[in-house]
Protein backbone atom coordinates (compact mmCIF):
# COMPACT_ATOMS: atom_id res chain seq x y z
CA MET A 1 0.00 0.00 0.00
CA ALA A 2 2.89 2.34 0.75
CA LEU A 3 4.31 1.63 -2.70
CA PHE A 4 1.00 2.56 -4.34
CA LEU A 5 0.92 5.91 -2.56
CA THR A 6 4.61 6.63 -3.20
CA ARG A 7 4.18 5.84 -6.89
CA ALA A 8 0.98 7.92 -7.12
CA VAL A 9 2.67 10.92 -5.48
CA ASN A 10 5.85 10.68 -7.57
CA ASP A 11 4.04 10.09 -10.89
CA ALA A 12 1.53 12.93 -10.48
CA THR A 13 2.73 16.09 -12.18
CA ASN A 14 0.11 18.21 -10.43
CA ILE A 15 -2.51 18.12 -7.68
CA ALA A 16 -5.41 17.57 -10.08
CA LYS A 17 -3.85 14.41 -11.54
CA LEU A 18 -3.14 12.97 -8.07
CA THR A 19 -6.69 13.80 -6.95
CA ASN A 20 -8.13 11.87 -9.91
CA THR A 21 -5.88 8.88 -9.18
CA LEU A 22 -6.83 8.71 -5.51
CA ASN A 23 -10.55 9.26 -6.19
CA SER A 24 -10.51 6.42 -8.71
CA LYS A 25 -8.88 4.20 -6.10
CA ILE A 26 -11.55 5.11 -3.54
CA ASP A 27 -14.26 4.21 -6.06
CA SER A 28 -12.66 0.83 -6.73
CA ILE A 29 -12.40 0.14 -2.99
CA LYS A 30 -16.12 0.91 -2.63
CA GLU A 31 -16.97 -1.49 -5.45
CA GLU A 32 -14.92 -4.27 -3.87
CA THR A 33 -16.52 -3.58 -0.50
CA ASN A 34 -19.99 -3.81 -2.04
CA ARG A 35 -19.05 -7.19 -3.53
CA GLY A 36 -18.12 -8.42 -0.06
CA PHE A 37 -14.34 -8.15 -0.25
CA GLU A 38 -12.32 -6.99 2.76
CA THR A 39 -11.26 -3.35 2.66
CA PRO A 40 -7.46 -3.14 2.82
CA SER A 41 -5.69 -0.74 5.19
CA TYR A 42 -3.47 1.88 3.62
CA VAL A 43 -1.81 2.86 6.90
CA PHE A 44 1.93 2.41 6.49
CA LEU A 45 5.26 2.89 8.27
CA GLY A 46 8.89 2.38 7.27
CA SER A 47 11.06 4.29 4.83
CA GLU A 48 8.10 5.54 2.77
CA TYR A 49 6.55 6.93 5.94
CA ASP A 50 9.77 8.74 6.86
CA GLU A 51 9.93 10.13 3.32
CA MET A 52 6.38 11.41 3.69
CA LEU A 53 7.14 13.25 6.97
CA ARG A 54 10.28 14.83 5.47
CA ALA A 55 8.29 16.00 2.46
CA ILE A 56 5.53 17.51 4.59
CA LYS A 57 7.95 19.71 6.53
CA GLY A 58 10.20 20.30 3.53
CA GLU A 59 10.49 23.36 1.29
CA ASP A 60 9.01 21.76 -1.84
CA ILE A 61 5.42 23.01 -1.62
CA LEU A 62 4.04 20.81 -4.41
CA THR A 63 5.48 17.60 -2.96
CA ALA A 64 4.22 18.51 0.52
CA GLN A 65 0.73 19.19 -0.86
CA LYS A 66 0.69 15.86 -2.67
CA TRP A 67 1.65 13.93 0.46
CA LEU A 68 -1.00 15.76 2.50
CA LEU A 69 -3.51 14.67 -0.13
CA ALA A 70 -2.23 11.11 0.24
CA VAL A 71 -2.76 11.31 4.02
CA SER A 72 -6.38 12.35 3.44
CA PHE A 73 -6.75 9.26 1.24
CA VAL A 74 -5.41 7.04 4.04
CA ILE A 75 -7.83 8.56 6.57
CA LYS A 76 -10.77 8.16 4.19
CA SER A 77 -9.94 4.51 3.52
CA GLU A 78 -9.70 3.82 7.27
CA GLU A 79 -13.09 5.43 7.80
CA MET A 80 -14.52 3.06 5.20
CA ARG A 81 -13.06 0.13 7.10
CA LEU A 82 -14.60 1.37 10.35
CA GLU A 83 -18.01 1.80 8.72
CA LYS A 84 -17.81 -1.83 7.65
CA GLY A 85 -17.10 -2.90 11.24
CA GLU A 86 -13.42 -3.69 10.75
CA ASN A 87 -10.73 -2.65 13.23
CA ILE A 88 -8.29 0.13 12.55
CA SER A 89 -4.76 -0.89 11.57
CA GLU A 90 -2.33 -1.84 14.34
CA ASP A 91 0.14 0.67 12.91
CA ALA A 92 -2.36 3.53 13.19
CA SER A 93 -1.08 4.76 16.57
CA ALA A 94 2.49 5.25 15.35
CA PHE A 95 1.29 6.59 11.99
CA PHE A 96 -0.92 9.31 13.49
CA GLU A 97 1.45 10.25 16.31
CA GLY A 98 4.30 10.94 13.90
CA LEU A 99 2.02 12.73 11.44
CA ILE A 100 0.34 14.97 14.04
CA SER A 101 3.65 15.80 15.74
CA THR A 102 5.17 16.79 12.39
CA LEU A 103 2.20 18.98 11.50
CA LEU A 104 2.19 20.72 14.89
CA ASP A 105 5.94 21.38 14.73
CA THR A 106 5.75 22.70 11.18
CA LEU A 107 2.75 24.93 11.83
CA GLY A 108 4.46 26.29 14.93
CA ALA A 109 7.56 27.10 12.89
CA ILE A 110 5.67 29.00 10.17
CA GLU A 111 3.29 30.78 12.59
CA GLY A 112 3.00 34.44 11.64
CA LYS A 113 4.82 33.95 8.32
CA PRO A 114 3.26 33.95 4.84
CA SER A 115 2.73 30.37 3.73
CA LEU A 116 1.12 28.68 0.74
CA ILE A 117 0.72 25.37 2.49
CA ALA A 118 -0.47 26.29 6.00
CA GLY A 119 -4.14 25.94 5.02
CA ASN A 120 -3.54 22.41 3.68
CA MET A 121 -1.71 21.47 6.87
CA TRP A 122 -4.52 22.74 9.11
CA PHE A 123 -7.05 20.77 7.08
CA THR A 124 -5.05 17.54 7.35
CA LEU A 125 -4.40 18.13 11.06
CA CYS A 126 -8.15 18.48 11.70
CA GLU A 127 -8.77 15.25 9.78
CA ALA A 128 -6.09 13.37 11.72
CA ILE A 129 -7.15 14.62 15.17
CA GLY A 130 -10.79 13.99 14.36
CA MET A 131 -9.91 10.44 13.31
CA ILE A 132 -7.99 9.39 16.41
CA LEU A 133 -10.59 10.90 18.76
CA LYS A 134 -13.45 8.83 17.33
CA PRO A 135 -14.78 6.56 20.13
CA ASN A 136 -14.16 3.35 18.16
CA VAL A 137 -10.63 4.48 17.25
CA ALA A 138 -9.40 6.00 20.51
CA THR A 139 -9.45 2.61 22.24
CA SER A 140 -6.92 1.27 19.70
CA VAL A 141 -4.84 4.37 19.04
CA LYS A 142 -3.04 4.73 22.34
CA CYS A 143 -1.60 8.15 21.53
CA HIS A 144 -4.98 9.84 21.23
CA LYS A 145 -5.03 11.42 24.70
CA ARG A 146 -1.44 12.60 24.49
CA MET A 147 -1.95 14.08 21.03
CA ALA A 148 -5.22 15.77 22.03
CA ASN A 149 -3.61 17.47 25.04
CA ARG A 150 -0.57 18.49 23.02
CA THR A 151 -2.81 19.95 20.32
CA PHE A 152 -4.85 21.86 22.91
CA ASN A 153 -1.72 23.38 24.47
CA PHE A 154 -0.42 24.24 21.00
CA LEU A 155 -3.64 26.09 20.16
CA LEU A 156 -3.37 28.18 23.32
CA GLN A 157 -0.04 29.57 22.14
CA ILE A 158 -0.90 30.71 18.62
CA ALA A 159 -3.13 33.37 17.12
CA ASN A 160 -6.79 32.57 16.68
CA ASN A 161 -8.18 31.95 13.18
CA GLU A 162 -10.85 29.84 11.50
CA HIS A 163 -8.52 26.82 11.36
CA THR A 164 -7.63 26.97 15.04
CA GLU A 165 -11.31 27.30 15.97
CA GLN A 166 -12.24 24.22 13.96
CA LEU A 167 -9.46 22.17 15.52
CA LEU A 168 -10.15 23.45 19.03
CA LEU A 169 -13.81 22.49 18.60
CA ILE A 170 -12.82 18.91 17.76
CA VAL A 171 -10.54 18.62 20.78
CA LEU A 172 -13.01 20.20 23.23
CA ALA A 173 -15.84 18.00 21.94
CA TRP A 174 -13.76 14.95 22.85
CA MET A 175 -12.86 16.43 26.25
CA CYS A 176 -16.51 17.23 27.05
CA SER A 177 -17.50 13.68 26.17
CA SER A 178 -15.25 12.24 28.84
CA ARG A 179 -15.31 14.82 31.66
CA SER A 180 -16.94 18.01 32.94
CA PHE A 181 -15.50 21.44 33.62
CA ASP A 182 -16.53 23.35 36.72
CA VAL A 183 -16.17 27.12 36.87
CA ASN A 184 -15.38 26.80 40.58
CA ARG A 185 -12.26 24.71 39.87
CA GLU A 186 -9.19 26.73 38.97
CA GLU A 187 -7.72 24.02 36.78
CA ASP A 188 -10.86 24.02 34.62
CA ALA A 189 -10.80 27.75 33.93
CA VAL A 190 -8.69 27.43 30.79
CA TYR A 191 -11.09 24.93 29.22
CA ILE A 192 -14.18 26.97 30.13
CA ASN A 193 -12.59 30.11 28.70
CA GLN A 194 -11.86 28.34 25.41
CA LEU A 195 -15.42 27.05 25.19
CA ARG A 196 -16.73 30.57 25.71
CA ARG A 197 -14.31 31.94 23.14
CA LEU A 198 -15.63 29.50 20.57
CA GLN A 199 -19.22 30.34 21.48
CA LYS A 200 -18.49 33.99 20.66
CA SER A 201 -16.98 33.07 17.30
CA ALA A 202 -18.07 35.04 14.25
CA ASN A 203 -18.59 31.70 12.51
CA ASP A 204 -22.20 30.67 13.12
CA HIS A 205 -21.48 26.93 12.88
CA THR A 206 -18.60 27.14 15.35
CA SER A 207 -20.68 29.21 17.78
CA LYS A 208 -23.62 26.81 17.53
CA GLU A 209 -21.47 23.74 18.16
CA ALA A 210 -19.70 25.42 21.07
CA THR A 211 -23.08 26.30 22.56
CA LYS A 212 -24.04 22.62 22.43
CA LEU A 213 -20.81 21.66 24.22
CA ILE A 214 -21.39 24.27 26.93
CA LEU A 215 -24.91 22.93 27.51
CA ILE A 216 -23.61 19.35 27.70
CA ASN A 217 -21.05 20.45 30.26
CA LEU A 218 -23.58 22.45 32.30
CA GLN A 219 -25.98 19.50 32.41
CA LYS A 220 -23.21 17.43 34.00
CA VAL A 221 -22.12 20.08 36.48
CA VAL A 222 -25.67 20.99 37.56
CA LYS A 223 -26.08 17.52 39.02
CA ARG A 224 -23.46 18.49 41.60
CA ASP A 225 -24.46 22.13 42.03
CA ALA A 226 -27.99 23.28 41.17
CA LYS A 227 -26.95 26.96 41.21
CA VAL A 228 -24.67 26.58 38.20
CA LEU A 229 -27.36 27.30 35.61
CA SER A 230 -28.71 30.32 37.49
CA ASP A 231 -25.24 31.76 37.96
CA PHE A 232 -24.37 31.14 34.31
CA ILE A 233 -27.51 32.90 33.07
CA MET A 234 -27.00 35.87 35.40
CA GLU A 235 -23.38 36.17 34.33
CA HIS A 236 -24.43 36.51 30.69
CA VAL A 237 -27.31 38.86 31.53
CA LYS A 238 -24.91 41.19 33.35
CA LEU A 239 -22.43 40.87 30.47
CA VAL A 240 -25.04 42.06 27.97
CA THR A 241 -26.09 44.97 30.19
CA LYS A 242 -22.48 46.01 30.74
CA GLU A 243 -21.66 45.82 27.02
CA LEU A 244 -24.64 48.05 26.26
CA GLU A 245 -23.56 50.57 28.89
CA LEU A 246 -20.03 50.67 27.45
CA GLY A 247 -21.25 50.81 23.87
CA THR A 248 -19.28 47.69 22.87
CA ASN A 249 -22.07 45.70 21.30
CA ASP A 250 -20.14 43.04 19.37
CA LYS A 251 -20.53 40.40 22.11
CA VAL A 252 -24.23 40.96 22.79
CA ASP A 253 -25.56 38.72 20.02
CA ARG A 254 -23.71 35.57 21.13
CA ALA A 255 -24.48 36.18 24.80
CA LEU A 256 -28.20 36.36 24.00
CA GLN A 257 -27.93 33.15 21.99
CA MET A 258 -26.30 31.43 24.94
CA ILE A 259 -29.02 32.53 27.36
CA ASP A 260 -31.68 31.46 24.88
CA ALA A 261 -30.09 28.02 24.49
CA ILE A 262 -30.16 27.46 28.26
CA PHE A 263 -33.83 28.43 28.57
CA ASN A 264 -34.62 26.25 25.58
CA ALA A 265 -32.86 23.28 27.16
CA CYS A 266 -34.76 23.36 30.43
CA LYS A 267 -38.31 23.82 31.68
CA ARG A 268 -39.23 25.81 34.75
CA CYS A 269 -41.37 23.00 36.10
CA ASP A 270 -38.60 20.41 36.24
CA SER A 271 -35.49 22.51 36.75
CA GLU A 272 -34.10 24.07 39.87
CA ILE A 273 -33.24 27.42 38.33
CA VAL A 274 -33.93 30.29 40.70
CA LEU A 275 -33.44 33.64 38.99
CA ASP A 276 -33.46 37.23 40.09
CA LEU A 277 -35.61 38.55 37.25
CA VAL A 278 -34.85 42.23 37.92
CA PRO A 279 -31.49 42.13 36.05
CA MET A 280 -33.21 40.20 33.24
CA TRP A 281 -35.87 42.89 32.72
CA ASN A 282 -33.20 45.59 33.04
CA MET A 283 -31.30 43.86 30.24
CA PHE A 284 -34.33 43.77 27.93
CA GLU A 285 -35.13 47.42 28.64
CA ALA A 286 -31.54 48.37 27.82
CA ILE A 287 -31.57 46.35 24.59
CA PHE A 288 -34.75 47.92 23.24
CA HIS A 289 -33.65 51.35 24.42
CA HIS A 290 -30.59 50.94 22.16
CA LEU A 291 -32.62 49.65 19.21
CA GLN A 292 -30.97 52.04 16.76
CA GLU A 293 -27.45 51.09 17.79
CA LEU A 294 -27.68 47.29 17.66
CA SER A 295 -27.51 44.99 14.67
CA VAL A 296 -30.64 43.47 13.16
CA ASN A 297 -29.54 39.97 14.24
CA THR A 298 -29.05 41.11 17.82
CA ILE A 299 -32.51 42.67 18.01
CA LYS A 300 -34.16 39.63 16.45
CA GLN A 301 -32.32 37.40 18.94
CA ALA A 302 -33.57 39.61 21.78
CA PHE A 303 -37.19 39.14 20.66
CA VAL A 304 -36.68 35.37 20.46
CA LEU A 305 -35.22 35.36 23.97
CA LEU A 306 -38.05 37.51 25.33
CA SER A 307 -40.60 34.96 24.10
CA ARG A 308 -38.48 32.12 25.45
CA VAL A 309 -38.31 33.66 28.92
CA ALA A 310 -42.07 34.26 28.87
CA LYS A 311 -42.75 30.63 28.00
CA TRP A 312 -40.39 29.53 30.76
CA LEU A 313 -42.16 31.74 33.30
CA GLY A 314 -45.71 30.70 32.43
CA PRO A 315 -48.94 32.70 32.90
CA ASP A 316 -48.78 33.13 36.69
CA TYR A 317 -45.25 34.54 36.75
CA ILE A 318 -46.01 36.76 33.76
CA LEU A 319 -48.82 38.36 35.76
CA VAL A 320 -46.48 38.80 38.73
CA ASN A 321 -43.96 40.55 36.46
CA ILE A 322 -46.52 42.31 34.27
CA GLN A 323 -45.34 45.83 35.14
CA ARG A 324 -41.75 45.07 34.14
CA ILE A 325 -42.84 43.33 30.94
CA GLN A 326 -45.09 46.28 30.15
CA LYS A 327 -42.12 48.59 30.62
CA VAL A 328 -40.06 46.46 28.22
CA PHE A 329 -42.69 46.87 25.51
CA ILE A 330 -43.04 50.57 26.26
CA ASN A 331 -39.32 50.87 25.52
CA ILE A 332 -39.94 49.04 22.25
CA PHE A 333 -42.83 51.26 21.15
CA ASN A 334 -41.03 54.45 22.19
CA ASN A 335 -38.78 54.04 19.15
CA PRO A 336 -39.56 55.86 15.87
CA THR A 337 -42.25 54.19 13.77
CA GLU A 338 -39.96 53.63 10.78
CA LEU A 339 -37.47 51.83 13.01
CA LEU A 340 -40.20 49.74 14.62
CA MET A 341 -41.46 48.64 11.23
CA GLN A 342 -38.11 46.96 10.55
CA TYR A 343 -38.99 44.57 13.38
CA ALA A 344 -42.76 44.49 12.90
CA ILE A 345 -42.88 40.72 12.40
CA ASP A 346 -40.69 40.11 15.46
CA ILE A 347 -42.88 42.39 17.60
CA GLU A 348 -46.01 40.69 16.30
CA LEU A 349 -44.67 37.20 17.08
CA SER A 350 -43.51 38.24 20.54
CA LEU A 351 -46.90 39.76 21.37
CA ARG A 352 -48.64 36.67 20.03
CA ASP A 353 -46.55 34.46 22.31
CA MET A 354 -47.33 36.69 25.28
CA GLY A 355 -51.04 36.55 24.50
CA GLU A 356 -51.04 32.78 24.13
CA ILE A 357 -49.27 32.31 27.46
CA CYS A 358 -51.31 34.91 29.36
CA THR A 359 -54.72 35.70 27.86
CA ASP A 360 -55.07 38.94 29.86
CA PHE A 361 -51.74 40.31 28.67
CA TYR A 362 -53.43 42.61 26.14
CA LEU A 363 -54.94 44.66 29.01
CA ALA A 364 -51.49 45.87 30.02
CA MET A 365 -50.84 46.92 26.43
CA ALA A 366 -54.05 48.94 25.98
CA PRO A 367 -52.28 52.36 25.96
CA GLN A 368 -49.90 51.09 23.28
CA LEU A 369 -52.86 49.76 21.28
CA THR A 370 -54.57 53.15 21.20
CA LYS A 371 -51.32 54.82 20.11
CA LEU A 372 -50.89 52.29 17.31
CA ILE A 373 -54.45 52.87 16.13
CA GLU A 374 -53.86 56.63 16.19
CA GLN A 375 -50.75 56.07 14.09
CA VAL A 376 -52.74 54.02 11.57
CA ASN A 377 -55.37 56.77 11.41
CA LYS A 378 -52.65 59.34 10.71
CA GLU A 379 -51.16 57.18 7.96
CA ILE A 380 -54.59 56.65 6.39
CA ASP A 381 -55.48 60.36 6.56
CA ALA A 382 -52.16 61.17 4.92
CA MET A 383 -52.78 58.42 2.33
CA GLN A 384 -49.48 56.75 3.27
CA PHE A 385 -50.07 53.02 3.32
CA HIS A 386 -46.56 51.51 3.21
CA ASN A 387 -46.51 50.78 6.98
CA VAL A 388 -50.22 50.25 7.61
CA HIS A 389 -50.25 46.47 7.07
CA LYS A 390 -47.38 46.05 9.56
CA LEU A 391 -49.11 48.20 12.16
CA ILE A 392 -52.34 46.26 11.67
CA GLY A 393 -50.46 43.00 12.22
CA ILE A 394 -49.28 44.27 15.61
CA ILE A 395 -52.70 45.67 16.51
CA ALA A 396 -54.29 42.28 15.84
CA GLN A 397 -52.15 40.75 18.60
CA LEU A 398 -53.36 43.37 21.10
CA ASP A 399 -57.07 42.94 20.42
CA GLY A 400 -59.31 41.74 23.23
CA SER A 401 -62.77 42.08 24.71
CA ALA A 402 -61.91 45.13 26.84
CA VAL A 403 -60.37 47.11 23.97
CA GLY A 404 -62.27 45.68 21.04
CA HIS A 405 -64.28 48.87 20.41
CA PHE A 406 -61.08 50.67 19.39
CA VAL A 407 -60.19 47.91 16.96
CA GLU A 408 -63.73 47.72 15.59
CA ALA A 409 -63.74 51.46 14.91
CA LEU A 410 -60.49 51.00 13.00
CA ILE A 411 -61.97 48.15 10.96
CA PHE A 412 -64.94 50.33 10.02
CA LYS A 413 -62.66 53.18 9.02
CA LEU A 414 -60.67 50.81 6.84
CA ALA A 415 -63.92 49.57 5.33
CA ALA A 416 -64.78 53.13 4.31
CA LEU A 417 -61.60 53.47 2.23
CA ASP A 418 -61.76 53.41 -1.53
CA LYS A 419 -61.64 49.89 -2.93
CA SER A 420 -58.57 50.74 -5.02
CA HIS A 421 -56.40 50.31 -1.92
CA TRP A 422 -57.17 46.60 -1.71
CA SER A 423 -54.90 45.90 -4.68
CA ASN A 424 -52.16 45.96 -2.03
CA THR A 425 -52.32 42.28 -1.02
CA ASP A 426 -50.22 42.84 2.12
CA LEU A 427 -52.72 45.39 3.36
CA ALA A 428 -55.74 43.30 2.38
CA ASN A 429 -54.36 40.17 4.04
CA SER A 430 -53.50 42.04 7.24
CA ILE A 431 -57.06 43.39 7.51
CA VAL A 432 -58.59 39.95 6.95
CA ARG A 433 -56.43 38.60 9.76
CA LEU A 434 -57.38 41.53 11.98
CA ILE A 435 -61.08 40.84 11.40
CA ASN A 436 -60.60 37.15 12.10
CA LYS A 437 -58.70 37.83 15.33
CA HIS A 438 -61.27 40.45 16.35
CA LEU A 439 -64.08 37.95 15.98
CA SER A 440 -62.19 35.02 17.50
CA VAL A 441 -61.63 36.87 20.78
CA GLY A 442 -65.35 37.61 21.03
CA CYS A 443 -65.23 41.31 20.28
CA SER A 444 -68.30 41.60 18.06
CA MET A 445 -71.61 39.79 18.11
CA HIS A 446 -73.84 42.60 16.80
CA ALA A 447 -75.56 41.69 13.54
CA LYS A 448 -75.08 45.02 11.76
CA ALA A 449 -71.38 45.13 12.62
CA LEU A 450 -71.02 41.53 11.48
CA LYS A 451 -72.77 42.31 8.20
CA ILE A 452 -70.39 45.18 7.55
CA MET A 453 -67.41 42.95 8.24
CA LEU A 454 -68.88 40.24 6.04
CA VAL A 455 -69.28 42.58 3.06
CA PHE A 456 -65.84 44.07 3.75
CA THR A 457 -64.17 40.65 3.96
CA GLN A 458 -65.86 39.58 0.73
CA GLN A 459 -64.48 42.69 -0.97
CA LEU A 460 -61.02 41.91 0.37
CA ARG A 461 -61.42 38.30 -0.74
CA ASP A 462 -62.18 39.48 -4.27
CA SER A 463 -59.03 41.63 -4.25
CA ILE A 464 -56.75 38.97 -2.76
CA GLY A 465 -58.01 36.14 -4.94
CA HIS A 466 -58.35 32.60 -3.69
CA ASP A 467 -57.46 32.68 0.01
CA ARG A 468 -58.39 29.99 2.53
CA PHE A 469 -58.01 32.32 5.49
CA ALA A 470 -60.45 34.82 3.99
CA ASP A 471 -62.85 31.98 3.21
CA ARG A 472 -62.67 30.76 6.80
CA THR A 473 -63.32 34.28 8.06
CA ILE A 474 -66.40 34.60 5.84
CA LEU A 475 -67.70 31.26 7.11
CA LEU A 476 -67.06 32.36 10.70
CA ILE A 477 -69.03 35.58 10.22
CA ASN A 478 -71.92 33.71 8.63
CA GLU A 479 -72.02 31.33 11.59
CA MET A 480 -72.03 34.24 14.01
CA LEU A 481 -74.76 36.03 12.09
CA SER A 482 -77.02 33.02 12.44
CA SER A 483 -76.95 33.43 16.23
CA ALA A 484 -76.38 37.20 16.61
CA ASN A 485 -78.43 39.19 19.12
CA GLU A 486 -79.48 42.74 18.11
CA SER A 487 -80.89 43.84 21.49
CA ASN A 488 -79.45 46.67 23.60
CA VAL A 489 -77.93 48.52 20.65
CA SER A 490 -77.51 52.28 21.11
CA THR A 491 -79.22 54.50 18.53
CA ASP A 492 -75.99 56.29 17.59
CA TYR A 493 -74.14 53.06 16.97
CA THR A 494 -77.03 51.65 14.91
CA LEU A 495 -77.08 54.81 12.78
CA TYR A 496 -73.33 54.59 12.31
CA THR A 497 -73.38 50.97 11.16
CA GLN A 498 -76.28 51.74 8.83
CA GLU A 499 -74.33 54.64 7.33
CA LEU A 500 -71.30 52.48 6.73
CA GLN A 501 -73.40 49.65 5.35
CA ASN A 502 -75.07 52.12 2.96
CA TYR A 503 -71.65 53.25 1.81
CA LEU A 504 -70.47 49.71 1.14
CA GLU A 505 -73.68 48.98 -0.76
CA ALA A 506 -73.21 52.20 -2.73
CA MET A 507 -69.73 51.07 -3.68
CA GLY A 508 -71.21 47.80 -4.91
CA GLN A 509 -73.85 49.69 -6.92
CA LYS A 510 -71.17 51.86 -8.45
CA ASN A 511 -69.18 48.84 -9.58
CA ALA A 512 -72.29 47.17 -11.03
CA TYR A 513 -73.29 50.39 -12.80
CA GLN A 514 -69.78 50.80 -14.22
CA GLN A 515 -69.81 47.23 -15.55
CA HIS A 516 -73.21 47.88 -17.16
CA MET A 517 -72.01 51.07 -18.83
CA ASP A 518 -68.85 49.40 -20.10
CA GLY A 519 -71.04 47.01 -22.09
CA SER A 520 -73.47 49.70 -23.32
CA SER A 521 -73.18 52.17 -26.16
CA HIS A 522 -75.02 54.88 -24.14
CA LYS A 523 -73.15 57.52 -22.14
CA GLU A 524 -73.97 58.28 -18.54
CA SER A 525 -75.75 61.60 -18.10
CA ASN A 526 -74.29 64.38 -15.96
CA ASP A 527 -77.38 64.30 -13.71
CA THR A 528 -76.89 60.59 -12.92
CA ARG A 529 -73.23 61.12 -12.05
CA ASP A 530 -74.00 64.13 -9.86
CA ASN A 531 -76.74 62.25 -7.99
CA PHE A 532 -74.43 59.32 -7.31
CA ARG A 533 -71.59 61.57 -6.13
CA THR A 534 -73.94 63.52 -3.86
CA LYS A 535 -75.23 60.31 -2.27
CA ARG A 536 -71.70 58.99 -1.81
CA ASP A 537 -70.38 62.27 -0.37
CA ASP A 538 -73.27 62.46 2.10
CA VAL A 539 -72.57 58.94 3.32
CA VAL A 540 -68.83 59.56 3.59
CA ASP A 541 -69.40 62.80 5.53
CA ALA A 542 -71.72 60.98 7.93
CA ILE A 543 -69.17 58.23 8.43
CA LYS A 544 -66.34 60.69 9.09
CA LYS A 545 -68.50 62.60 11.55
CA ARG A 546 -69.40 59.41 13.41
CA LEU A 547 -65.76 58.23 13.44
CA LYS A 548 -64.69 61.53 14.95
CA SER A 549 -67.30 61.28 17.70
CA MET A 550 -66.25 57.71 18.48
CA ARG A 551 -62.65 58.63 19.33
CA GLN A 552 -62.48 58.44 23.10
CA PRO A 553 -59.86 57.70 25.81
CA PHE A 554 -59.22 54.09 26.80
CA LYS A 555 -61.61 52.47 29.27
CA VAL A 556 -61.20 48.94 30.55
CA ASP A 557 -64.97 48.76 31.08
CA CYS A 558 -66.28 48.63 27.54
CA SER A 559 -69.96 48.15 28.31
CA GLU A 560 -70.65 51.54 26.68
CA GLY A 561 -68.30 50.95 23.77
CA PRO A 562 -69.49 50.87 20.18
CA TYR A 563 -69.45 47.08 19.94
CA ILE A 564 -71.88 44.71 21.59
CA THR A 565 -71.13 41.27 23.02
CA GLN A 566 -73.60 38.62 24.02
């Protein structure tokens, strides 16, 4: 086998030719394996092995690259043997010890110098270390522990880069599989620091894998000391807050991911985490206060973590902490509207999670709801609709029985808009979802209001096209109409709904009339047009007047509000 590799390396005039030769050999080995033949081992020692090591640390770059490629072939062939259930070669321990030692020495010698082969060496070193630390290999390769520790110490002494992170991850994964590291033990500090360094890596894959290792280690340590998780979370919470105070925000994202991973890995009901939530809420307030200064990924991660913490707390503890949570969202909504709209979906999802966990959460957000509705009214009056669908999405998550009259007034105002606006599918879809949410939380059972929403939803459905959600909403309204109760309706509100219904019907008549005239050779007379416009303008003026009179400060008791519940 050594002769085959030596001949392949010497005969290849370039890397591409050697790659083709070795790939063809791998394919032939696979074919023989599939036919039931034993997979031969290409691990070798002797003079050819010594020649290989000299070439790797030599000055001939091409020869060194070719031998590194040959080593990758050897490792791949051994992996194939292991997959088949065969044992690794008896010479593997000596082979890998000499190879790894040579690579470490050479990389140490060229550290900080320009090199064309360093990348190839790091790649081969990762392959070799990864191979000997496999559970079914480590038992046979006696040098695995010695080489792993030597590699770890080597990595502590050189500058950090993507290659060192990848190799360090391999070594620490093996270490975490066989032992645990306790922050209270001085001798473990170096390992914990390296794990944390990897978790803060700019490489997402490296950070994610390091996070998994930290969780594995914490799960072991917590069996001895239940306070470990609490202390770890608080340490990262304080780190985030401190970074925000100092204005050094580059570490915030990874710290939030680490906190989120811990909450995701445990449940409040079966864990012994005892947290001081005051620093946690302070952290969230600080994050959303610095919304303009932080990256998009950091803000999105903060919203994910906020929902995760809420789910961990549960409805009872959310109510206990409702004032602090309310303050967090006040900090969110205190930001400029244009900035908020960048995170509209994240805000909507976070509010939805809060509402699902604690059904009364919307009551604490009533002041924010009225401000959002006022903002929508301003945008509509100014005929600026680019943010309206996002605002409506957030409003839908804050709807509830005690504030439903505000939302219903908004729905009616939207219904009074010209139909041309419904060509915006984002806007049309958001309104359909608002109507559905409004009805699903029991905010309207009055027949006239339901009829308006039915006609409105049908108009939206025509604009959107085939839409199952709109169809379900129409079916829901029809079901509610069949059991609606029209008693105890105030005269003003009845007049208002009649005015709006007349307007919607007038819009329908206008469309039907236009279609008729399009197919006719006769021209519409000026008198007919004037009569139609006068009727429409009268209805619109009445609607605007009623809308203006309906604007009122927030009241939790909505018994006198403009919507009626059964």
